[in-house]
């Protein structure tokens, strides 16, 4: 385990095996570029900076929830294919804008 941890650290991966007040980050698999040594996707730093006021659990929930600004896709599904759209959705989330809901009202004549 120690060898694997040092190998990942050499490649620039940020991992946590125990928290002692150090500045560490955990990244789920969907946030890693696995073909380039398991480094976080470049967009992750920007998205996490935008969402910095939210705690880790709220961020995890945001990445795994359907988002109307992403055409009802989850941000984690689009990190690699549409990173700028995910960043924009994060900016909207951070600004406190509520998601738009489509309402279907039937009118009786």
Protein backbone atom coordinates (compact mmCIF):
# COMPACT_ATOMS: atom_id res chain seq x y z
CA UNK A 1 0.00 0.00 0.00
CA UNK A 2 2.80 2.41 0.88
CA UNK A 3 4.51 1.78 -2.47
CA UNK A 4 1.29 2.48 -4.39
CA UNK A 5 0.69 5.66 -2.37
CA UNK A 6 4.17 7.00 -3.13
CA UNK A 7 3.80 6.06 -6.80
CA UNK A 8 0.56 8.04 -7.01
CA UNK A 9 2.11 10.96 -5.14
CA UNK A 10 5.00 11.03 -7.60
CA UNK A 11 2.52 11.30 -10.43
CA UNK A 12 0.74 14.23 -8.80
CA UNK A 13 -2.39 12.44 -7.62
CA UNK A 14 -3.90 13.87 -4.47
CA UNK A 15 -5.02 11.18 -2.08
CA UNK A 16 -5.98 10.90 1.58
CA UNK A 17 -5.46 7.88 3.75
CA UNK A 18 -5.91 9.70 7.05
CA UNK A 19 -6.79 13.28 7.91
CA UNK A 20 -4.60 15.24 10.29
CA UNK A 21 -5.45 18.76 9.27
CA UNK A 22 -3.39 18.54 6.10
CA UNK A 23 -4.59 19.99 2.81
CA UNK A 24 -5.60 16.80 0.98
CA UNK A 25 -8.26 16.09 -1.57
CA UNK A 26 -10.07 12.91 -2.47
CA UNK A 27 -11.11 12.50 -6.07
CA UNK A 28 -13.69 9.95 -7.23
CA UNK A 29 -12.91 7.94 -10.35
CA UNK A 30 -15.14 10.07 -12.56
CA UNK A 31 -12.92 13.10 -11.76
CA UNK A 32 -9.66 11.42 -12.80
CA UNK A 33 -7.94 11.18 -16.15
CA UNK A 34 -6.89 7.55 -15.86
CA UNK A 35 -4.84 7.47 -19.06
CA UNK A 36 -2.53 10.17 -17.71
CA UNK A 37 -1.50 8.65 -14.41
CA UNK A 38 -4.77 9.06 -12.49
CA UNK A 39 -4.46 12.84 -12.23
CA UNK A 40 -7.54 14.97 -11.59
CA UNK A 41 -9.18 16.36 -14.72
CA UNK A 42 -8.03 19.95 -15.32
CA UNK A 43 -11.59 21.25 -14.98
CA UNK A 44 -11.89 19.86 -11.44
CA UNK A 45 -9.71 22.56 -9.93
CA UNK A 46 -11.87 25.31 -11.46
CA UNK A 47 -15.17 23.66 -10.52
CA UNK A 48 -14.04 23.06 -6.94
CA UNK A 49 -12.85 26.67 -6.66
CA UNK A 50 -16.27 27.87 -7.79
CA UNK A 51 -17.99 25.56 -5.29
CA UNK A 52 -15.52 26.34 -2.48
CA UNK A 53 -18.22 27.70 -0.15
CA UNK A 54 -19.98 24.33 -0.08
CA UNK A 55 -18.82 21.44 2.08
CA UNK A 56 -17.54 18.18 0.59
CA UNK A 57 -20.84 16.34 1.04
CA UNK A 58 -22.81 19.05 -0.76
CA UNK A 59 -20.27 19.02 -3.59
CA UNK A 60 -20.49 15.24 -3.87
CA UNK A 61 -24.28 15.48 -3.98
CA UNK A 62 -24.08 18.21 -6.65
CA UNK A 63 -21.80 16.13 -8.92
CA UNK A 64 -24.12 13.12 -8.62
CA UNK A 65 -27.47 14.88 -9.04
CA UNK A 66 -29.42 15.60 -12.20
CA UNK A 67 -28.95 19.23 -13.16
CA UNK A 68 -31.47 21.11 -15.29
CA UNK A 69 -28.74 23.43 -16.60
CA UNK A 70 -27.03 20.35 -18.02
CA UNK A 71 -30.17 19.13 -19.76
CA UNK A 72 -31.02 16.74 -16.92
CA UNK A 73 -27.61 15.09 -16.89
CA UNK A 74 -25.38 14.78 -13.83
CA UNK A 75 -22.24 16.95 -13.76
CA UNK A 76 -20.10 13.85 -13.22
CA UNK A 77 -21.40 12.43 -16.53
CA UNK A 78 -20.19 15.46 -18.49
CA UNK A 79 -16.85 16.29 -16.84
CA UNK A 80 -14.85 14.79 -19.70
CA UNK A 81 -17.11 15.51 -22.66
CA UNK A 82 -18.43 18.98 -21.79
CA UNK A 83 -16.24 20.46 -19.04
CA UNK A 84 -17.10 24.10 -19.78
CA UNK A 85 -20.81 23.37 -19.43
CA UNK A 86 -20.16 21.75 -16.05
CA UNK A 87 -18.15 24.80 -14.99
CA UNK A 88 -20.99 27.10 -16.04
CA UNK A 89 -23.50 24.96 -14.10
CA UNK A 90 -21.22 25.20 -11.04
CA UNK A 91 -21.12 29.00 -11.40
CA UNK A 92 -24.92 29.08 -11.51
CA UNK A 93 -25.07 26.79 -8.46
CA UNK A 94 -22.62 28.99 -6.54
CA UNK A 95 -24.62 32.13 -7.34
CA UNK A 96 -27.67 30.64 -5.65
CA UNK A 97 -29.89 30.56 -8.74
CA UNK A 98 -32.67 28.02 -8.40
CA UNK A 99 -33.10 25.33 -11.03
CA UNK A 100 -35.82 26.02 -13.51
CA UNK A 101 -38.71 23.63 -13.41
CA UNK A 102 -40.96 23.02 -16.35
CA UNK A 103 -44.55 23.07 -15.30
CA UNK A 104 -47.26 21.53 -17.33
CA UNK A 105 -50.59 23.01 -16.54
CA UNK A 106 -53.67 21.62 -18.13
CA UNK A 107 -56.36 24.15 -18.75
CA UNK A 108 -59.94 23.10 -18.96
CA UNK A 109 -62.10 25.18 -21.25
